[in-house]
Amino acid sequence: MSRPSGAVKYMVTETPQIQTNWLHSCRTRLLTRKSQFTLDTVVLTSAFVLAYLLRFDFDIPERDTQYMLYQLPFVLLLQLVVLRMAGVYAFIWRYVGMAEVKAFIMAALWSALPLIVLRTWLPEQLQPGRVPLSITVMDAVFAFGGVLGLRVLRRALYDRDSKRQNAKRHLQTGITKKPVLLIGAGRAGMLVAREINLRGNMGLDVRGFIDDDPNKLGSVIQGVKVLGRTEAIPQLVSKLNIDHVVISFAEASRQDFRRILDI
């Protein structure tokens, strides 16, 4: 298949790095190190109280209220220790992925296990220290779902702020974005599309993905649709008035590059 006449440029790209100024970096670190612990403490405490409220249909007997207040410090300390041991406070939530979510699930399980053991083995004389199983389960879901939700919200706010700042800078420069296609709708392509959309100051407008996997055809990744296979590049270039074709493979052989460049 012949190459389109001189209009399209091919680029090989690695995952872009986010450039942030010193002030923004300090503000992000302050939120992570100082405020996050306080927010986590509030969420964990609220989750435990909510579990008790649901257990007693929002009418906790006086005796069980005393039990709750007796158990709360131990449960809170246990959950904070487990979060730290799971490495949660070392995560950079701009780059959150399934590995981080897995850490939260494991932390929830490990925090519930000692409470279940104490519930089973403590004698009746130590009833105030025995957290009901239903409360243990509800608290684990609410508590660790809540602290995970805090970080997801923080990432969403960060992404929105980055888009706004980059869009504002782009408008100030007055540069017209060049329409591009991304070849490769895998993880590397997803990261490239995400960073182009987030930064907004690269002068690129991603119009679609190209991928030879038929299972990905028509799917949407980072708000960008997979338009077709590599054989469709000439037609898409003409139809969408594409200026650049960006090769965003994580791994590719020399033959793969040559095959694409020869289209």
C-alpha atoms as a PDB file:
ATOM      1  CA  MET A   1       0.000   0.000   0.000  1.00  0.00           C
ATOM      2  CA  SER A   2       1.479   3.329  -1.005  1.00  0.00           C
ATOM      3  CA  ARG A   3       2.364   5.997   1.525  1.00  0.00           C
ATOM      4  CA  PRO A   4       0.242   9.180   1.569  1.00  0.00           C
ATOM      5  CA  SER A   5       1.834  11.964  -0.403  1.00  0.00           C
ATOM      6  CA  GLY A   6       4.181  13.857   1.926  1.00  0.00           C
ATOM      7  CA  ALA A   7       1.530  15.149   4.317  1.00  0.00           C
ATOM      8  CA  VAL A   8       2.001  12.831   7.260  1.00  0.00           C
ATOM      9  CA  LYS A   9       4.957  12.760   9.643  1.00  0.00           C
ATOM     10  CA  TYR A  10       5.717   9.717  11.774  1.00  0.00           C
ATOM     11  CA  MET A  11       6.888  10.077  15.352  1.00  0.00           C
ATOM     12  CA  VAL A  12       8.223   7.489  17.798  1.00  0.00           C
ATOM     13  CA  THR A  13       7.434   8.555  21.321  1.00  0.00           C
ATOM     14  CA  GLU A  14       8.027   7.426  24.854  1.00  0.00           C
ATOM     15  CA  THR A  15       5.634   8.118  27.693  1.00  0.00           C
ATOM     16  CA  PRO A  16       5.683  11.905  28.308  1.00  0.00           C
ATOM     17  CA  GLN A  17       6.711  13.173  31.704  1.00  0.00           C
ATOM     18  CA  ILE A  18       4.551  15.674  33.547  1.00  0.00           C
ATOM     19  CA  GLN A  19       6.343  18.968  34.071  1.00  0.00           C
ATOM     20  CA  THR A  20       5.263  20.793  37.185  1.00  0.00           C
ATOM     21  CA  ASN A  21       6.561  23.930  38.798  1.00  0.00           C
ATOM     22  CA  TRP A  22       8.171  24.017  42.216  1.00  0.00           C
ATOM     23  CA  LEU A  23       5.173  25.578  43.945  1.00  0.00           C
ATOM     24  CA  HIS A  24       2.739  22.969  42.657  1.00  0.00           C
ATOM     25  CA  SER A  25       5.107  20.193  43.730  1.00  0.00           C
ATOM     26  CA  CYS A  26       5.336  21.594  47.257  1.00  0.00           C
ATOM     27  CA  ARG A  27       1.556  21.967  47.451  1.00  0.00           C
ATOM     28  CA  THR A  28       1.063  18.353  46.390  1.00  0.00           C
ATOM     29  CA  ARG A  29       3.617  17.082  48.901  1.00  0.00           C
ATOM     30  CA  LEU A  30       2.000  19.111  51.680  1.00  0.00           C
ATOM     31  CA  LEU A  31      -1.364  17.512  50.950  1.00  0.00           C
ATOM     32  CA  THR A  32       0.166  14.053  50.888  1.00  0.00           C
ATOM     33  CA  ARG A  33       2.257  14.251  54.047  1.00  0.00           C
ATOM     34  CA  LYS A  34       0.281  16.527  56.326  1.00  0.00           C
ATOM     35  CA  SER A  35      -3.395  16.587  55.429  1.00  0.00           C
ATOM     36  CA  GLN A  36      -3.821  13.004  54.238  1.00  0.00           C
ATOM     37  CA  PHE A  37      -3.245  11.455  57.673  1.00  0.00           C
ATOM     38  CA  THR A  38      -5.860  13.748  59.246  1.00  0.00           C
ATOM     39  CA  LEU A  39      -8.381  13.025  56.490  1.00  0.00           C
ATOM     40  CA  ASP A  40      -7.774   9.287  56.823  1.00  0.00           C
ATOM     41  CA  THR A  41      -8.338   9.471  60.577  1.00  0.00           C
ATOM     42  CA  VAL A  42     -11.654  11.268  60.051  1.00  0.00           C
ATOM     43  CA  VAL A  43     -12.794   8.731  57.435  1.00  0.00           C
ATOM     44  CA  LEU A  44     -11.780   5.703  59.505  1.00  0.00           C
ATOM     45  CA  THR A  45     -13.512   7.054  62.601  1.00  0.00           C
ATOM     46  CA  SER A  46     -16.664   7.924  60.670  1.00  0.00           C
ATOM     47  CA  ALA A  47     -16.718   4.464  59.058  1.00  0.00           C
ATOM     48  CA  PHE A  48     -16.615   2.709  62.429  1.00  0.00           C
ATOM     49  CA  VAL A  49     -19.399   4.874  63.856  1.00  0.00           C
ATOM     50  CA  LEU A  50     -21.479   4.387  60.696  1.00  0.00           C
ATOM     51  CA  ALA A  51     -21.071   0.602  60.955  1.00  0.00           C
ATOM     52  CA  TYR A  52     -22.453   0.716  64.504  1.00  0.00           C
ATOM     53  CA  LEU A  53     -25.325   2.970  63.435  1.00  0.00           C
ATOM     54  CA  LEU A  54     -26.319   0.597  60.647  1.00  0.00           C
ATOM     55  CA  ARG A  55     -25.963  -2.424  62.927  1.00  0.00           C
ATOM     56  CA  PHE A  56     -28.507  -0.946  65.373  1.00  0.00           C
ATOM     57  CA  ASP A  57     -30.740   0.862  62.832  1.00  0.00           C
ATOM     58  CA  PHE A  58     -29.419   4.277  63.953  1.00  0.00           C
ATOM     59  CA  ASP A  59     -30.548   3.676  67.548  1.00  0.00           C
ATOM     60  CA  ILE A  60     -27.482   2.413  69.439  1.00  0.00           C
ATOM     61  CA  PRO A  61     -28.219   1.229  72.979  1.00  0.00           C
ATOM     62  CA  GLU A  62     -26.304   2.981  75.735  1.00  0.00           C
ATOM     63  CA  ARG A  63     -24.292  -0.124  76.582  1.00  0.00           C
ATOM     64  CA  ASP A  64     -23.218  -0.636  72.970  1.00  0.00           C
ATOM     65  CA  THR A  65     -22.343   3.044  72.672  1.00  0.00           C
ATOM     66  CA  GLN A  66     -19.880   2.520  75.521  1.00  0.00           C
ATOM     67  CA  TYR A  67     -18.512  -0.561  73.762  1.00  0.00           C
ATOM     68  CA  MET A  68     -18.069   1.444  70.561  1.00  0.00           C
ATOM     69  CA  LEU A  69     -16.137   4.206  72.332  1.00  0.00           C
ATOM     70  CA  TYR A  70     -14.018   1.581  74.083  1.00  0.00           C
ATOM     71  CA  GLN A  71     -13.185  -0.232  70.822  1.00  0.00           C
ATOM     72  CA  LEU A  72     -12.668   2.811  68.593  1.00  0.00           C
ATOM     73  CA  PRO A  73      -9.099   3.771  69.623  1.00  0.00           C
ATOM     74  CA  PHE A  74      -7.820   0.216  69.135  1.00  0.00           C
ATOM     75  CA  VAL A  75      -9.572  -0.250  65.778  1.00  0.00           C
ATOM     76  CA  LEU A  76      -8.393   3.150  64.535  1.00  0.00           C
ATOM     77  CA  LEU A  77      -4.786   2.505  65.545  1.00  0.00           C
ATOM     78  CA  LEU A  78      -4.870  -0.946  63.958  1.00  0.00           C
ATOM     79  CA  GLN A  79      -6.172   0.392  60.645  1.00  0.00           C
ATOM     80  CA  LEU A  80      -3.644   3.240  60.483  1.00  0.00           C
ATOM     81  CA  VAL A  81      -0.780   0.840  61.206  1.00  0.00           C
ATOM     82  CA  VAL A  82      -1.992  -1.556  58.508  1.00  0.00           C
ATOM     83  CA  LEU A  83      -2.278   1.292  55.994  1.00  0.00           C
ATOM     84  CA  ARG A  84       1.316   2.287  56.676  1.00  0.00           C
ATOM     85  CA  MET A  85       2.552  -1.303  56.514  1.00  0.00           C
ATOM     86  CA  ALA A  86       0.768  -1.731  53.173  1.00  0.00           C
ATOM     87  CA  GLY A  87       2.753   1.228  51.829  1.00  0.00           C
ATOM     88  CA  VAL A  88      -0.305   3.382  51.167  1.00  0.00           C
ATOM     89  CA  TYR A  89       1.394   6.573  52.352  1.00  0.00           C
ATOM     90  CA  ALA A  90       4.236   6.042  49.884  1.00  0.00           C
ATOM     91  CA  PHE A  91       1.952   5.938  46.829  1.00  0.00           C
ATOM     92  CA  ILE A  92       1.913   8.775  44.295  1.00  0.00           C
ATOM     93  CA  TRP A  93      -1.768   8.996  43.483  1.00  0.00           C
ATOM     94  CA  ARG A  94      -1.320  10.783  40.154  1.00  0.00           C
ATOM     95  CA  TYR A  95      -0.223   7.370  38.868  1.00  0.00           C
ATOM     96  CA  VAL A  96      -2.735   5.183  40.699  1.00  0.00           C
ATOM     97  CA  GLY A  97      -3.300   1.727  39.224  1.00  0.00           C
ATOM     98  CA  MET A  98      -4.544  -1.720  40.116  1.00  0.00           C
ATOM     99  CA  ALA A  99      -1.445  -2.398  42.241  1.00  0.00           C
ATOM    100  CA  GLU A 100      -2.499   0.391  44.607  1.00  0.00           C
ATOM    101  CA  VAL A 101      -6.097  -0.831  44.748  1.00  0.00           C
ATOM    102  CA  LYS A 102      -4.826  -4.314  45.589  1.00  0.00           C
ATOM    103  CA  ALA A 103      -2.882  -2.854  48.521  1.00  0.00           C
ATOM    104  CA  PHE A 104      -6.107  -1.384  49.929  1.00  0.00           C
ATOM    105  CA  ILE A 105      -7.927  -4.698  49.617  1.00  0.00           C
ATOM    106  CA  MET A 106      -5.129  -6.508  51.419  1.00  0.00           C
ATOM    107  CA  ALA A 107      -5.046  -3.817  54.116  1.00  0.00           C
ATOM    108  CA  ALA A 108      -8.784  -4.227  54.693  1.00  0.00           C
ATOM    109  CA  LEU A 109      -8.408  -7.999  55.078  1.00  0.00           C
ATOM    110  CA  TRP A 110      -5.425  -7.756  57.421  1.00  0.00           C
ATOM    111  CA  SER A 111      -7.144  -5.177  59.621  1.00  0.00           C
ATOM    112  CA  ALA A 112     -10.301  -7.292  59.916  1.00  0.00           C
ATOM    113  CA  LEU A 113      -8.458 -10.523  60.775  1.00  0.00           C
ATOM    114  CA  PRO A 114      -7.303  -9.541  64.321  1.00  0.00           C
ATOM    115  CA  LEU A 115     -10.798  -8.262  65.162  1.00  0.00           C
ATOM    116  CA  ILE A 116     -12.334 -11.557  64.047  1.00  0.00           C
ATOM    117  CA  VAL A 117      -9.784 -13.508  66.107  1.00  0.00           C
ATOM    118  CA  LEU A 118     -10.495 -11.393  69.195  1.00  0.00           C
ATOM    119  CA  ARG A 119     -14.231 -11.803  68.673  1.00  0.00           C
ATOM    120  CA  THR A 120     -13.799 -15.571  68.566  1.00  0.00           C
ATOM    121  CA  TRP A 121     -11.315 -16.112  71.391  1.00  0.00           C
ATOM    122  CA  LEU A 122     -11.980 -13.417  73.981  1.00  0.00           C
ATOM    123  CA  PRO A 123     -14.117 -14.662  76.894  1.00  0.00           C
ATOM    124  CA  GLU A 124     -17.503 -13.176  77.732  1.00  0.00           C
ATOM    125  CA  GLN A 125     -15.933 -11.283  80.622  1.00  0.00           C
ATOM    126  CA  LEU A 126     -14.093  -9.130  78.061  1.00  0.00           C
ATOM    127  CA  GLN A 127     -17.194  -8.416  75.996  1.00  0.00           C
ATOM    128  CA  PRO A 128     -16.341  -4.701  75.481  1.00  0.00           C
ATOM    129  CA  GLY A 129     -13.317  -5.754  73.444  1.00  0.00           C
ATOM    130  CA  ARG A 130     -15.266  -8.068  71.131  1.00  0.00           C
ATOM    131  CA  VAL A 131     -16.290  -6.192  67.985  1.00  0.00           C
ATOM    132  CA  PRO A 132     -19.385  -7.808  66.370  1.00  0.00           C
ATOM    133  CA  LEU A 133     -18.620  -9.592  63.092  1.00  0.00           C
ATOM    134  CA  SER A 134     -21.188  -7.566  61.145  1.00  0.00           C
ATOM    135  CA  ILE A 135     -19.571  -4.331  62.323  1.00  0.00           C
ATOM    136  CA  THR A 136     -16.095  -5.634  61.468  1.00  0.00           C
ATOM    137  CA  VAL A 137     -17.161  -6.422  57.909  1.00  0.00           C
ATOM    138  CA  MET A 138     -19.057  -3.166  57.355  1.00  0.00           C
ATOM    139  CA  ASP A 139     -16.269  -1.109  58.889  1.00  0.00           C
ATOM    140  CA  ALA A 140     -13.625  -2.724  56.654  1.00  0.00           C
ATOM    141  CA  VAL A 141     -15.668  -1.910  53.540  1.00  0.00           C
ATOM    142  CA  PHE A 142     -16.538   1.646  54.591  1.00  0.00           C
ATOM    143  CA  ALA A 143     -13.131   2.523  56.035  1.00  0.00           C
ATOM    144  CA  PHE A 144     -10.843   1.321  53.277  1.00  0.00           C
ATOM    145  CA  GLY A 145     -13.307   2.197  50.544  1.00  0.00           C
ATOM    146  CA  GLY A 146     -13.407   5.689  52.022  1.00  0.00           C
ATOM    147  CA  VAL A 147      -9.656   6.260  52.184  1.00  0.00           C
ATOM    148  CA  LEU A 148      -9.321   4.884  48.659  1.00  0.00           C
ATOM    149  CA  GLY A 149     -12.109   7.205  47.534  1.00  0.00           C
ATOM    150  CA  LEU A 150     -10.239  10.165  49.027  1.00  0.00           C
ATOM    151  CA  ARG A 151      -7.252   9.427  46.851  1.00  0.00           C
ATOM    152  CA  VAL A 152      -9.310   8.842  43.719  1.00  0.00           C
ATOM    153  CA  LEU A 153     -11.030  12.186  44.340  1.00  0.00           C
ATOM    154  CA  ARG A 154      -7.666  13.846  44.831  1.00  0.00           C
ATOM    155  CA  ARG A 155      -6.404  12.430  41.542  1.00  0.00           C
ATOM    156  CA  ALA A 156      -9.570  13.581  39.739  1.00  0.00           C
ATOM    157  CA  LEU A 157      -9.135  17.098  41.114  1.00  0.00           C
ATOM    158  CA  TYR A 158      -5.469  17.063  40.135  1.00  0.00           C
ATOM    159  CA  ASP A 159      -6.287  15.967  36.590  1.00  0.00           C
ATOM    160  CA  ARG A 160      -8.997  18.626  36.271  1.00  0.00           C
ATOM    161  CA  ASP A 161      -6.663  21.336  37.567  1.00  0.00           C
ATOM    162  CA  SER A 162      -3.908  20.240  35.187  1.00  0.00           C
ATOM    163  CA  LYS A 163      -6.276  20.300  32.206  1.00  0.00           C
ATOM    164  CA  ARG A 164      -7.489  23.780  33.080  1.00  0.00           C
ATOM    165  CA  GLN A 165      -4.001  25.177  33.543  1.00  0.00           C
ATOM    166  CA  ASN A 166      -2.700  23.630  30.343  1.00  0.00           C
ATOM    167  CA  ALA A 167      -5.747  24.734  28.360  1.00  0.00           C
ATOM    168  CA  LYS A 168      -5.259  28.274  29.639  1.00  0.00           C
ATOM    169  CA  ARG A 169      -1.590  28.278  28.638  1.00  0.00           C
ATOM    170  CA  HIS A 170      -2.509  26.864  25.234  1.00  0.00           C
ATOM    171  CA  LEU A 171      -5.033  29.631  24.625  1.00  0.00           C
ATOM    172  CA  GLN A 172      -2.468  32.229  25.623  1.00  0.00           C
ATOM    173  CA  THR A 173       0.088  30.926  23.143  1.00  0.00           C
ATOM    174  CA  GLY A 174      -2.499  30.764  20.344  1.00  0.00           C
ATOM    175  CA  ILE A 175      -0.961  27.608  18.854  1.00  0.00           C
ATOM    176  CA  THR A 176      -3.241  25.493  16.657  1.00  0.00           C
ATOM    177  CA  LYS A 177      -3.232  21.840  17.651  1.00  0.00           C
ATOM    178  CA  LYS A 178      -2.143  19.328  15.039  1.00  0.00           C
ATOM    179  CA  PRO A 179      -4.451  16.303  14.544  1.00  0.00           C
ATOM    180  CA  VAL A 180      -2.644  13.003  15.207  1.00  0.00           C
ATOM    181  CA  LEU A 181      -3.284   9.278  15.228  1.00  0.00           C
ATOM    182  CA  LEU A 182      -1.715   6.974  17.828  1.00  0.00           C
ATOM    183  CA  ILE A 183      -0.533   3.587  16.575  1.00  0.00           C
ATOM    184  CA  GLY A 184      -0.863   1.114  19.419  1.00  0.00           C
ATOM    185  CA  ALA A 185      -3.830   1.011  21.777  1.00  0.00           C
ATOM    186  CA  GLY A 186      -2.004  -0.843  24.545  1.00  0.00           C
ATOM    187  CA  ARG A 187      -0.764   0.444  27.880  1.00  0.00           C
ATOM    188  CA  ALA A 188       1.907   2.647  26.315  1.00  0.00           C
ATOM    189  CA  GLY A 189      -0.638   4.167  23.934  1.00  0.00           C
ATOM    190  CA  MET A 190      -3.033   4.774  26.816  1.00  0.00           C
ATOM    191  CA  LEU A 191      -0.324   6.609  28.774  1.00  0.00           C
ATOM    192  CA  VAL A 192       0.617   8.716  25.742  1.00  0.00           C
ATOM    193  CA  ALA A 193      -3.013   9.682  25.113  1.00  0.00           C
ATOM    194  CA  ARG A 194      -3.551  10.502  28.778  1.00  0.00           C
ATOM    195  CA  GLU A 195      -0.499  12.736  29.013  1.00  0.00           C
ATOM    196  CA  ILE A 196      -1.277  14.545  25.759  1.00  0.00           C
ATOM    197  CA  ASN A 197      -4.810  15.246  26.977  1.00  0.00           C
ATOM    198  CA  LEU A 198      -3.652  16.270  30.447  1.00  0.00           C
ATOM    199  CA  ARG A 199      -0.829  18.550  29.413  1.00  0.00           C
ATOM    200  CA  GLY A 200      -2.707  20.253  26.624  1.00  0.00           C
ATOM    201  CA  ASN A 201       0.377  22.280  25.697  1.00  0.00           C
ATOM    202  CA  MET A 202       1.976  19.795  23.298  1.00  0.00           C
ATOM    203  CA  GLY A 203       0.125  21.175  20.286  1.00  0.00           C
ATOM    204  CA  LEU A 204      -1.399  17.760  19.519  1.00  0.00           C
ATOM    205  CA  ASP A 205      -5.027  16.712  19.149  1.00  0.00           C
ATOM    206  CA  VAL A 206      -5.477  12.927  19.348  1.00  0.00           C
ATOM    207  CA  ARG A 207      -8.154  11.930  16.827  1.00  0.00           C
ATOM    208  CA  GLY A 208      -7.978   8.172  17.305  1.00  0.00           C
ATOM    209  CA  PHE A 209      -6.031   4.973  17.889  1.00  0.00           C
ATOM    210  CA  ILE A 210      -4.782   2.491  15.322  1.00  0.00           C
ATOM    211  CA  ASP A 211      -4.390  -1.123  16.472  1.00  0.00           C
ATOM    212  CA  ASP A 212      -4.257  -4.475  14.712  1.00  0.00           C
ATOM    213  CA  ASP A 213      -6.085  -6.277  17.530  1.00  0.00           C
ATOM    214  CA  PRO A 214      -9.639  -6.862  16.206  1.00  0.00           C
ATOM    215  CA  ASN A 215     -10.980  -7.079  19.779  1.00  0.00           C
ATOM    216  CA  LYS A 216     -10.062  -3.430  20.372  1.00  0.00           C
ATOM    217  CA  LEU A 217     -11.787  -2.063  17.267  1.00  0.00           C
ATOM    218  CA  GLY A 218     -14.432   0.480  18.265  1.00  0.00           C
ATOM    219  CA  SER A 219     -13.378   0.568  21.933  1.00  0.00           C
ATOM    220  CA  VAL A 220     -12.642   3.861  23.692  1.00  0.00           C
ATOM    221  CA  ILE A 221      -9.433   4.443  25.676  1.00  0.00           C
ATOM    222  CA  GLN A 222      -8.875   7.693  27.574  1.00  0.00           C
ATOM    223  CA  GLY A 223     -11.762   9.191  25.625  1.00  0.00           C
ATOM    224  CA  VAL A 224     -10.146   8.253  22.280  1.00  0.00           C
ATOM    225  CA  LYS A 225     -11.700   5.676  19.938  1.00  0.00           C
ATOM    226  CA  VAL A 226      -9.847   2.826  18.226  1.00  0.00           C
ATOM    227  CA  LEU A 227     -10.607   3.585  14.573  1.00  0.00           C
ATOM    228  CA  GLY A 228      -9.065   0.674  12.703  1.00  0.00           C
ATOM    229  CA  ARG A 229      -6.049  -1.418  11.736  1.00  0.00           C
ATOM    230  CA  THR A 230      -2.759  -0.161  10.317  1.00  0.00           C
ATOM    231  CA  GLU A 231      -4.007  -0.838   6.779  1.00  0.00           C
ATOM    232  CA  ALA A 232      -6.587   1.908   7.289  1.00  0.00           C
ATOM    233  CA  ILE A 233      -3.991   4.624   8.019  1.00  0.00           C
ATOM    234  CA  PRO A 234      -4.013   6.192   4.515  1.00  0.00           C
ATOM    235  CA  GLN A 235      -7.816   6.472   4.456  1.00  0.00           C
ATOM    236  CA  LEU A 236      -7.966   7.868   8.009  1.00  0.00           C
ATOM    237  CA  VAL A 237      -5.174  10.340   7.302  1.00  0.00           C
ATOM    238  CA  SER A 238      -7.116  11.690   4.340  1.00  0.00           C
ATOM    239  CA  LYS A 239     -10.492  11.628   6.070  1.00  0.00           C
ATOM    240  CA  LEU A 240      -9.375  13.275   9.329  1.00  0.00           C
ATOM    241  CA  ASN A 241      -6.719  15.550   7.815  1.00  0.00           C
ATOM    242  CA  ILE A 242      -4.052  13.986  10.051  1.00  0.00           C
ATOM    243  CA  ASP A 243      -0.743  15.826  10.404  1.00  0.00           C
ATOM    244  CA  HIS A 244       1.239  13.291  12.474  1.00  0.00           C
ATOM    245  CA  VAL A 245       1.070   9.567  13.118  1.00  0.00           C
ATOM    246  CA  VAL A 246       2.575   8.777  16.535  1.00  0.00           C
ATOM    247  CA  ILE A 247       3.990   5.283  17.084  1.00  0.00           C
ATOM    248  CA  SER A 248       3.253   4.480  20.728  1.00  0.00           C
ATOM    249  CA  PHE A 249       4.280   0.836  21.038  1.00  0.00           C
ATOM    250  CA  ALA A 250       5.732  -0.317  24.337  1.00  0.00           C
ATOM    251  CA  GLU A 251       7.693  -2.975  22.445  1.00  0.00           C
ATOM    252  CA  ALA A 252       8.029  -3.388  18.690  1.00  0.00           C
ATOM    253  CA  SER A 253      10.447  -5.099  16.336  1.00  0.00           C
ATOM    254  CA  ARG A 254      12.272  -3.410  13.498  1.00  0.00           C
ATOM    255  CA  GLN A 255       9.990  -5.266  11.098  1.00  0.00           C
ATOM    256  CA  ASP A 256       6.928  -3.726  12.789  1.00  0.00           C
ATOM    257  CA  PHE A 257       8.328  -0.223  12.375  1.00  0.00           C
ATOM    258  CA  ARG A 258       9.263  -0.874   8.756  1.00  0.00           C
ATOM    259  CA  ARG A 259       5.816  -2.310   7.984  1.00  0.00           C
ATOM    260  CA  ILE A 260       4.105   0.786   9.387  1.00  0.00           C
ATOM    261  CA  LEU A 261       6.452   3.229   7.710  1.00  0.00           C
ATOM    262  CA  ASP A 262       5.925   1.496   4.371  1.00  0.00           C
ATOM    263  CA  ILE A 263       2.145   1.852   4.431  1.00  0.00           C
END
